Amino acid sequence: MKPNSSQRSPERVPRRVGLWLVGGRGAISTCVAYGLSGLTRGLLEPVGLVTARGPLAALDLLSPEAFVLGGHDVCVRGLSRGAAELVKNGVLGAELVESGADDAAAYEARLRPGLLDGPDVGMADLDPRSAELGAAPPREQIAALVRDLKNFAASEQLDHTVVVNLASTEAGHAPQAEWQELAMFEEALDRGQAQPASVLYAYAAFQAGCSFVNFTPSHGASSPALRAYAKQEGLPHCGSDGKTGETLVKTVLAPLFRDRALKVLSWQGYNMLGNRDGEVLRSETHKQAKLDNKDEALRSILGESDMHSHVGIDFVPSLTDWKTAWDFIHFEGFLGARMSLQFTWAGSDSALAAPLVIDLARLAEFAARQGETGVMEHTASFFKAPLAAAPETGTAEHDFHRQMDALLRYAARYG
């Protein structure tokens, strides 16, 4: 006997989740937008998506079509122009861009002016509204960001929103005393004390009830004050600085030398990159944060106090979205014999980063749905400078193999 309508189980309503990209017109965001469109339309295989492989694939993660894209940006360059450049440079396929045109147009219509940091004034294609917002007191800046996020959630009838910071590396800011405690930070905001844009984006995300992912080397939610705020608001977050290329290889190779008791004498790296990120990193004030994260992972794994290590970064305009990194490793073995290893990594940062952004958005939404709060320590494998859940008791793990073990153990908890 078939059940009548009153006896039938109600159908599960699909979730709609916002994916709000800070730096929404950048190359990574463009690849995320067309990548999600291609996955939804069945035009792409999930190559590069960690969450598409077991055991993570067994988790109740959102499907690509559940995400609704929006974002902030400080420039006015059209998304179609950025996509055309990525097609020309062999990163995006022309058919994919053509098929995703309507999805991209809907996404671009949801982009809003972001915060322009003082050191970035004068760069090309800047939105004057972003400069005006960047000059406002911090409480006004936060209110504007929160308003955008809440309007987005209401107009799109979203169940949750994940904010991902994909903006270019901001100028270096020394940690401020008020970042140590939430009450002190709140007082600084009330006094009108200027704060880096990445910190304000993180604060606004938490105030609007959103999960937060910092894919950049900028401060974001890394301070004790912002961590406390995330805990207070009951929200998960993770970061910092997406690990896509040379540092990824370093964190895979370095344990080999450590575990075979080989003494690394020198590890010299050199990076050449194009696109807007490369242009921004020409500035020494922007470059240093990136260099610090690249070096710290290596030193943390090897623990060689007298090892020489150095990373250089140069902007090479003709490389566009492609990056080339060369590393030279000089090491000592038994009997004092000195040997070396060299490798060259060449790839598209945007094509490598985009699937990780989707992975992190899926994991952040899942964590929020499970009621998890604070640092998502299990996502360390995605970052050059992963946040430790309790930095006062120890440093974060940098060994990629151990990081992946932690991610798989996390999946097993829900498997």
Protein backbone atom coordinates (compact mmCIF):
# COMPACT_ATOMS: atom_id res chain seq x y z
CA MET A 1 0.00 0.00 0.00
CA LYS A 2 1.39 3.40 -0.98
CA PRO A 3 1.56 6.04 1.76
CA ASN A 4 -0.77 9.01 1.40
CA SER A 5 0.62 12.52 1.19
CA SER A 6 0.38 13.03 4.95
CA GLN A 7 2.53 9.94 5.56
CA ARG A 8 5.30 10.80 3.11
CA SER A 9 8.58 12.16 4.41
CA PRO A 10 9.10 15.78 3.43
CA GLU A 11 11.57 16.21 0.61
CA ARG A 12 14.91 17.64 1.61
CA VAL A 13 15.22 21.26 0.48
CA PRO A 14 18.62 21.87 -1.19
CA ARG A 15 20.81 24.35 0.65
CA ARG A 16 21.82 27.61 -0.98
CA VAL A 17 25.14 28.91 0.27
CA GLY A 18 26.89 32.15 -0.62
CA LEU A 19 30.51 32.14 -1.66
CA TRP A 20 31.67 35.73 -1.24
CA LEU A 21 35.04 36.41 -2.85
CA VAL A 22 37.14 39.36 -1.70
CA GLY A 23 39.14 40.27 -4.80
CA GLY A 24 36.18 39.16 -6.87
CA ARG A 25 37.54 40.32 -10.24
CA GLY A 26 40.99 38.77 -9.79
CA ALA A 27 42.35 35.80 -11.73
CA ILE A 28 41.68 33.25 -8.97
CA SER A 29 38.11 34.44 -8.48
CA THR A 30 37.54 34.36 -12.24
CA CYS A 31 38.75 30.76 -12.34
CA VAL A 32 36.53 29.89 -9.37
CA ALA A 33 33.49 31.41 -11.11
CA TYR A 34 33.99 29.63 -14.43
CA GLY A 35 35.15 26.48 -12.67
CA LEU A 36 31.97 26.23 -10.60
CA SER A 37 29.91 26.92 -13.70
CA GLY A 38 31.75 24.19 -15.61
CA LEU A 39 31.35 21.67 -12.78
CA THR A 40 27.65 22.46 -12.45
CA ARG A 41 27.09 22.05 -16.19
CA GLY A 42 29.10 18.82 -16.35
CA LEU A 43 31.77 20.37 -18.59
CA LEU A 44 34.66 19.81 -16.17
CA GLU A 45 36.07 16.90 -14.22
CA PRO A 46 36.89 17.72 -10.57
CA VAL A 47 40.65 17.61 -11.19
CA GLY A 48 42.50 19.35 -8.35
CA LEU A 49 39.55 19.16 -5.95
CA VAL A 50 40.75 17.41 -2.80
CA THR A 51 37.18 17.08 -1.52
CA ALA A 52 36.20 15.09 -4.63
CA ARG A 53 38.45 12.19 -3.53
CA GLY A 54 37.76 9.63 -0.82
CA PRO A 55 37.34 9.69 2.10
CA LEU A 56 36.47 13.42 1.89
CA ALA A 57 34.06 12.70 -0.96
CA ALA A 58 32.00 10.62 1.48
CA LEU A 59 31.25 13.66 3.64
CA ASP A 60 27.96 15.50 3.22
CA LEU A 61 29.58 18.40 1.37
CA LEU A 62 27.79 20.89 -0.84
CA SER A 63 27.60 20.22 -4.55
CA PRO A 64 29.00 22.96 -6.84
CA GLU A 65 25.55 24.11 -7.93
CA ALA A 66 24.63 24.97 -4.31
CA PHE A 67 27.01 27.95 -4.26
CA VAL A 68 25.87 31.45 -5.17
CA LEU A 69 28.76 33.79 -5.98
CA GLY A 70 29.20 37.40 -4.93
CA GLY A 71 32.11 39.53 -3.77
CA HIS A 72 34.03 42.73 -3.15
CA ASP A 73 36.72 44.28 -5.33
CA VAL A 74 38.59 47.56 -5.44
CA CYS A 75 39.00 47.66 -9.22
CA VAL A 76 36.45 48.24 -11.97
CA ARG A 77 37.88 45.99 -14.69
CA GLY A 78 35.13 43.76 -16.12
CA LEU A 79 35.14 40.04 -15.43
CA SER A 80 34.85 39.26 -19.14
CA ARG A 81 38.11 41.12 -19.80
CA GLY A 82 39.90 39.07 -17.16
CA ALA A 83 38.42 35.86 -18.56
CA ALA A 84 39.52 36.80 -22.09
CA GLU A 85 43.09 37.27 -20.85
CA LEU A 86 43.01 33.87 -19.14
CA VAL A 87 41.75 32.28 -22.37
CA LYS A 88 44.52 33.99 -24.32
CA ASN A 89 47.10 32.75 -21.82
CA GLY A 90 45.89 29.15 -21.94
CA VAL A 91 44.36 28.95 -18.46
CA LEU A 92 40.64 28.97 -19.30
CA GLY A 93 39.06 27.23 -22.28
CA ALA A 94 37.08 29.36 -24.73
CA GLU A 95 34.15 26.93 -24.69
CA LEU A 96 34.01 27.03 -20.90
CA VAL A 97 33.92 30.83 -20.89
CA GLU A 98 31.25 30.90 -23.57
CA SER A 99 29.03 28.37 -21.79
CA GLY A 100 29.43 30.15 -18.46
CA ALA A 101 28.69 33.65 -19.75
CA ASP A 102 25.29 33.93 -18.05
CA ASP A 103 26.63 32.59 -14.74
CA ALA A 104 29.55 35.04 -14.90
CA ALA A 105 27.23 37.97 -15.65
CA ALA A 106 25.03 37.09 -12.67
CA TYR A 107 28.12 36.90 -10.46
CA GLU A 108 29.48 40.23 -11.69
CA ALA A 109 26.14 41.89 -10.95
CA ARG A 110 26.63 40.91 -7.29
CA LEU A 111 30.11 42.46 -6.95
CA ARG A 112 30.38 45.46 -4.64
CA PRO A 113 33.14 48.05 -4.01
CA GLY A 114 35.68 46.78 -1.48
CA LEU A 115 38.08 48.50 0.92
CA LEU A 116 41.12 50.21 -0.53
CA ASP A 117 44.12 50.24 1.81
CA GLY A 118 46.10 53.50 1.91
CA PRO A 119 49.34 52.00 0.44
CA ASP A 120 47.42 50.79 -2.64
CA VAL A 121 46.14 54.19 -3.71
CA GLY A 122 47.32 55.03 -7.21
CA MET A 123 47.19 51.54 -8.73
CA ALA A 124 45.45 51.08 -12.07
CA ASP A 125 41.71 50.45 -12.60
CA LEU A 126 40.78 51.42 -9.05
CA ASP A 127 37.15 52.06 -8.13
CA PRO A 128 36.80 55.58 -6.64
CA ARG A 129 34.05 54.23 -4.35
CA SER A 130 36.62 51.85 -2.84
CA ALA A 131 39.00 54.73 -2.19
CA GLU A 132 36.18 56.67 -0.50
CA LEU A 133 35.24 53.66 1.64
CA GLY A 134 38.89 53.01 2.48
CA ALA A 135 39.18 56.53 3.91
CA ALA A 136 36.15 56.13 6.21
CA PRO A 137 36.43 55.32 9.93
CA PRO A 138 36.75 51.57 10.59
CA ARG A 139 33.28 51.19 12.12
CA GLU A 140 31.77 52.72 8.95
CA GLN A 141 33.86 50.41 6.78
CA ILE A 142 32.69 47.37 8.74
CA ALA A 143 29.05 48.51 8.59
CA ALA A 144 29.26 48.83 4.79
CA LEU A 145 30.76 45.35 4.41
CA VAL A 146 28.22 43.78 6.77
CA ARG A 147 25.39 45.51 4.89
CA ASP A 148 26.64 44.04 1.60
CA LEU A 149 26.87 40.54 3.09
CA LYS A 150 23.43 40.70 4.71
CA ASN A 151 21.79 42.12 1.58
CA PHE A 152 23.40 39.32 -0.42
CA ALA A 153 22.09 36.67 1.98
CA ALA A 154 18.59 38.13 2.01
CA SER A 155 18.24 38.73 -1.74
CA GLU A 156 19.55 35.26 -2.63
CA GLN A 157 17.74 33.49 0.25
CA LEU A 158 20.94 31.90 1.51
CA ASP A 159 21.32 29.43 4.35
CA HIS A 160 24.91 30.47 5.06
CA THR A 161 27.77 32.43 3.47
CA VAL A 162 31.48 31.65 3.30
CA VAL A 163 33.73 34.69 2.80
CA VAL A 164 37.08 33.93 1.12
CA ASN A 165 39.81 36.57 0.99
CA LEU A 166 41.53 36.33 -2.42
CA ALA A 167 42.73 39.93 -2.60
CA SER A 168 46.31 40.76 -3.54
CA THR A 169 48.78 40.72 -0.65
CA GLU A 170 48.39 43.90 1.35
CA ALA A 171 51.27 46.04 2.57
CA GLY A 172 52.98 44.70 5.66
CA HIS A 173 51.52 45.76 9.02
CA ALA A 174 53.30 45.07 12.28
CA PRO A 175 50.99 43.33 14.79
CA GLN A 176 49.29 45.95 16.91
CA ALA A 177 48.90 45.78 20.69
CA GLU A 178 45.11 45.93 20.46
CA TRP A 179 45.05 42.73 18.38
CA GLN A 180 45.90 40.70 21.49
CA GLU A 181 42.47 41.01 23.11
CA LEU A 182 39.00 41.42 21.65
CA ALA A 183 38.00 44.17 24.10
CA MET A 184 41.11 46.19 23.21
CA PHE A 185 40.40 45.71 19.50
CA GLU A 186 36.80 46.87 19.90
CA GLU A 187 38.02 49.97 21.74
CA ALA A 188 40.49 50.71 18.92
CA LEU A 189 37.65 50.49 16.39
CA ASP A 190 35.55 52.84 18.50
CA ARG A 191 38.46 55.33 18.58
CA GLY A 192 38.62 55.25 14.79
CA GLN A 193 42.07 53.66 14.69
CA ALA A 194 42.81 52.51 11.13
CA GLN A 195 43.07 48.76 10.52
CA PRO A 196 44.29 46.69 7.54
CA ALA A 197 41.53 45.80 5.08
CA SER A 198 42.01 42.04 5.60
CA VAL A 199 41.33 42.42 9.33
CA LEU A 200 38.17 44.42 8.67
CA TYR A 201 36.93 41.87 6.12
CA ALA A 202 37.38 39.10 8.70
CA TYR A 203 35.64 41.09 11.44
CA ALA A 204 32.75 41.98 9.12
CA ALA A 205 32.38 38.36 8.02
CA PHE A 206 31.99 37.22 11.62
CA GLN A 207 29.63 40.07 12.46
CA ALA A 208 27.46 39.05 9.50
CA GLY A 209 27.43 35.39 10.65
CA CYS A 210 29.73 34.09 7.90
CA SER A 211 32.55 31.56 7.91
CA PHE A 212 35.87 33.05 6.82
CA VAL A 213 38.81 31.73 4.78
CA ASN A 214 41.99 33.78 4.41
CA PHE A 215 43.77 32.54 1.26
CA THR A 216 46.23 35.46 1.38
CA PRO A 217 49.36 36.20 3.47
CA SER A 218 47.58 39.23 4.96
CA HIS A 219 46.61 39.25 8.66
CA GLY A 220 42.91 38.43 8.27
CA ALA A 221 41.59 36.56 11.32
CA SER A 222 44.97 35.37 12.59
CA SER A 223 45.17 37.64 15.66
CA PRO A 224 44.02 36.54 19.14
CA ALA A 225 41.34 39.25 19.05
CA LEU A 226 39.76 38.03 15.80
CA ARG A 227 40.06 34.39 16.86
CA ALA A 228 38.18 35.27 20.03
CA TYR A 229 35.53 37.08 18.00
CA ALA A 230 35.01 34.00 15.77
CA LYS A 231 34.60 31.86 18.89
CA GLN A 232 32.20 34.37 20.41
CA GLU A 233 30.05 34.36 17.27
CA GLY A 234 30.25 30.54 16.96
CA LEU A 235 31.87 30.54 13.50
CA PRO A 236 34.66 28.49 11.88
CA HIS A 237 37.57 30.04 9.99
CA CYS A 238 40.92 29.05 8.49
CA GLY A 239 44.04 30.42 6.78
CA SER A 240 46.54 31.73 5.89
CA ASP A 241 48.21 32.03 2.47
CA GLY A 242 47.14 29.34 0.03
CA LYS A 243 49.81 26.71 -0.67
CA THR A 244 49.74 26.00 -4.42
CA GLY A 245 53.24 25.74 -5.89
CA GLU A 246 56.83 26.03 -4.74
CA THR A 247 56.03 25.97 -1.01
CA LEU A 248 53.80 22.94 -1.55
CA VAL A 249 56.76 21.09 -3.05
CA LYS A 250 59.00 22.28 -0.21
CA THR A 251 56.68 20.93 2.46
CA VAL A 252 56.62 17.56 0.67
CA LEU A 253 60.38 17.37 0.11
CA ALA A 254 61.71 18.80 3.38
CA PRO A 255 60.50 15.84 5.50
CA LEU A 256 62.57 13.55 3.24
CA PHE A 257 65.79 15.26 4.34
CA ARG A 258 64.70 15.40 7.97
CA ASP A 259 63.58 11.78 8.18
CA ARG A 260 66.69 10.47 6.39
CA ALA A 261 68.92 12.47 8.76
CA LEU A 262 70.46 14.43 5.89
CA LYS A 263 71.76 17.88 6.84
CA VAL A 264 70.42 20.68 4.66
CA LEU A 265 73.10 23.36 4.35
CA SER A 266 71.33 25.75 1.98
CA TRP A 267 67.91 25.98 0.37
CA GLN A 268 67.80 28.77 -2.19
CA GLY A 269 64.61 29.61 -4.07
CA TYR A 270 63.77 32.02 -6.83
CA ASN A 271 60.29 32.89 -8.13
CA MET A 272 59.19 34.68 -11.30
CA LEU A 273 55.55 35.59 -11.72
CA GLY A 274 53.31 37.84 -13.76
CA ASN A 275 49.70 39.10 -13.41
CA ARG A 276 48.42 41.64 -10.90
CA ASP A 277 49.71 39.70 -7.89
CA GLY A 278 53.22 39.82 -9.30
CA GLU A 279 52.87 43.53 -9.94
CA VAL A 280 51.74 44.13 -6.35
CA LEU A 281 54.67 42.10 -5.00
CA ARG A 282 57.14 44.45 -6.70
CA SER A 283 56.55 46.62 -3.64
CA GLU A 284 58.91 45.63 -0.81
CA THR A 285 56.21 46.41 1.77
CA HIS A 286 53.85 43.93 0.10
CA LYS A 287 56.51 41.32 -0.70
CA GLN A 288 57.87 40.68 2.79
CA ALA A 289 54.77 38.93 4.18
CA LYS A 290 54.86 36.50 1.25
CA LEU A 291 58.56 35.79 1.76
CA ASP A 292 58.16 35.23 5.50
CA ASN A 293 55.54 32.53 4.96
CA LYS A 294 57.61 30.77 2.31
CA ASP A 295 60.64 30.62 4.62
CA GLU A 296 58.90 29.75 7.89
CA ALA A 297 57.46 26.44 6.63
CA LEU A 298 60.90 25.19 5.65
CA ARG A 299 62.57 26.17 8.91
CA SER A 300 59.75 24.68 10.96
CA ILE A 301 60.11 21.27 9.29
CA LEU A 302 63.90 21.04 9.18
CA GLY A 303 64.79 22.70 12.46
CA GLU A 304 68.27 23.53 11.15
CA SER A 305 69.35 26.65 13.04
CA ASP A 306 72.45 27.25 10.90
CA MET A 307 70.84 26.49 7.52
CA HIS A 308 70.99 29.19 4.87
CA SER A 309 67.63 29.79 3.20
CA HIS A 310 66.45 32.55 0.91
CA VAL A 311 63.51 33.12 -1.43
CA GLY A 312 63.51 35.77 -4.15
CA ILE A 313 60.44 37.03 -6.03
CA ASP A 314 60.54 39.03 -9.27
CA PHE A 315 57.74 40.38 -11.44
CA VAL A 316 58.01 39.22 -15.07
CA PRO A 317 55.09 40.76 -17.00
CA SER A 318 55.29 38.40 -19.99
CA LEU A 319 54.55 35.38 -17.77
CA THR A 320 50.98 36.69 -17.20
CA ASP A 321 49.19 34.10 -15.02
CA TRP A 322 52.07 31.62 -15.14
CA LYS A 323 54.70 31.26 -12.45
CA THR A 324 58.14 29.63 -12.55
CA ALA A 325 60.05 28.71 -9.40
CA TRP A 326 63.57 27.27 -9.24
CA ASP A 327 65.02 25.76 -6.05
CA PHE A 328 68.55 24.63 -5.23
CA ILE A 329 69.06 22.39 -2.19
CA HIS A 330 72.61 21.82 -0.97
CA PHE A 331 72.86 19.04 1.63
CA GLU A 332 75.39 16.90 3.46
CA GLY A 333 75.31 13.13 3.84
CA PHE A 334 77.41 10.48 5.58
CA LEU A 335 81.21 10.99 5.55
CA GLY A 336 80.65 14.68 4.96
CA ALA A 337 79.82 14.15 1.30
CA ARG A 338 78.04 17.18 -0.12
CA MET A 339 75.28 16.72 -2.69
CA SER A 340 72.49 18.76 -4.25
CA LEU A 341 68.98 18.57 -5.60
CA GLN A 342 67.35 21.08 -7.95
CA PHE A 343 63.77 21.38 -9.15
CA THR A 344 61.78 23.73 -11.34
CA TRP A 345 58.06 24.27 -10.87
CA ALA A 346 56.06 26.00 -13.60
CA GLY A 347 52.32 26.41 -13.37
CA SER A 348 49.29 28.67 -13.32
CA ASP A 349 48.69 29.91 -9.78
CA SER A 350 45.04 30.65 -10.54
CA ALA A 351 44.31 27.19 -11.96
CA LEU A 352 46.03 25.61 -8.96
CA ALA A 353 44.33 27.85 -6.41
CA ALA A 354 40.74 27.80 -7.72
CA PRO A 355 39.90 24.18 -6.80
CA LEU A 356 41.41 24.70 -3.34
CA VAL A 357 39.13 27.69 -2.82
CA ILE A 358 36.14 25.49 -3.68
CA ASP A 359 37.47 22.77 -1.33
CA LEU A 360 37.85 25.25 1.52
CA ALA A 361 34.41 26.74 0.93
CA ARG A 362 32.88 23.26 1.09
CA LEU A 363 34.81 22.41 4.25
CA ALA A 364 34.00 25.75 5.92
CA GLU A 365 30.28 25.38 5.19
CA PHE A 366 30.36 21.78 6.45
CA ALA A 367 32.13 22.88 9.64
CA ALA A 368 29.52 25.59 10.24
CA ARG A 369 26.72 23.08 9.70
CA GLN A 370 28.32 20.76 12.28
CA GLY A 371 28.45 23.57 14.81
CA GLU A 372 32.25 23.78 14.79
CA THR A 373 33.77 27.07 15.92
CA GLY A 374 37.19 28.69 15.77
CA VAL A 375 40.23 27.60 13.75
CA MET A 376 39.73 24.73 11.30
CA GLU A 377 43.10 23.20 12.12
CA HIS A 378 42.45 20.19 9.85
CA THR A 379 42.79 22.46 6.78
CA ALA A 380 46.51 23.12 7.40
CA SER A 381 47.52 21.28 4.20
CA PHE A 382 45.97 24.09 2.15
CA PHE A 383 48.13 26.89 3.61
CA LYS A 384 51.72 28.14 3.80
CA ALA A 385 51.07 29.67 7.22
CA PRO A 386 48.32 27.51 8.75
CA LEU A 387 46.70 28.74 11.92
CA ALA A 388 47.21 26.58 15.01
CA ALA A 389 44.08 26.11 17.09
CA ALA A 390 46.02 27.08 20.23
CA PRO A 391 49.11 29.10 19.19
CA GLU A 392 50.04 29.71 22.83
CA THR A 393 50.67 25.97 23.30
CA GLY A 394 52.58 25.25 20.11
CA THR A 395 53.10 26.06 16.44
CA ALA A 396 51.10 24.80 13.50
CA GLU A 397 52.19 21.70 11.58
CA HIS A 398 53.93 22.40 8.24
CA ASP A 399 54.83 18.85 7.12
CA PHE A 400 52.43 18.21 4.21
CA HIS A 401 52.21 14.47 4.90
CA ARG A 402 51.22 15.03 8.54
CA GLN A 403 48.83 17.80 7.48
CA MET A 404 47.06 15.42 5.10
CA ASP A 405 46.86 12.77 7.82
CA ALA A 406 45.07 15.33 10.01
CA LEU A 407 42.59 16.11 7.22
CA LEU A 408 41.88 12.41 6.66
CA ARG A 409 41.41 11.83 10.39
CA TYR A 410 38.91 14.69 10.41
CA ALA A 411 36.97 13.05 7.55
CA ALA A 412 37.02 9.70 9.38
CA ARG A 413 35.28 11.33 12.37
CA TYR A 414 32.21 11.92 10.21
CA GLY A 415 32.59 8.87 7.98
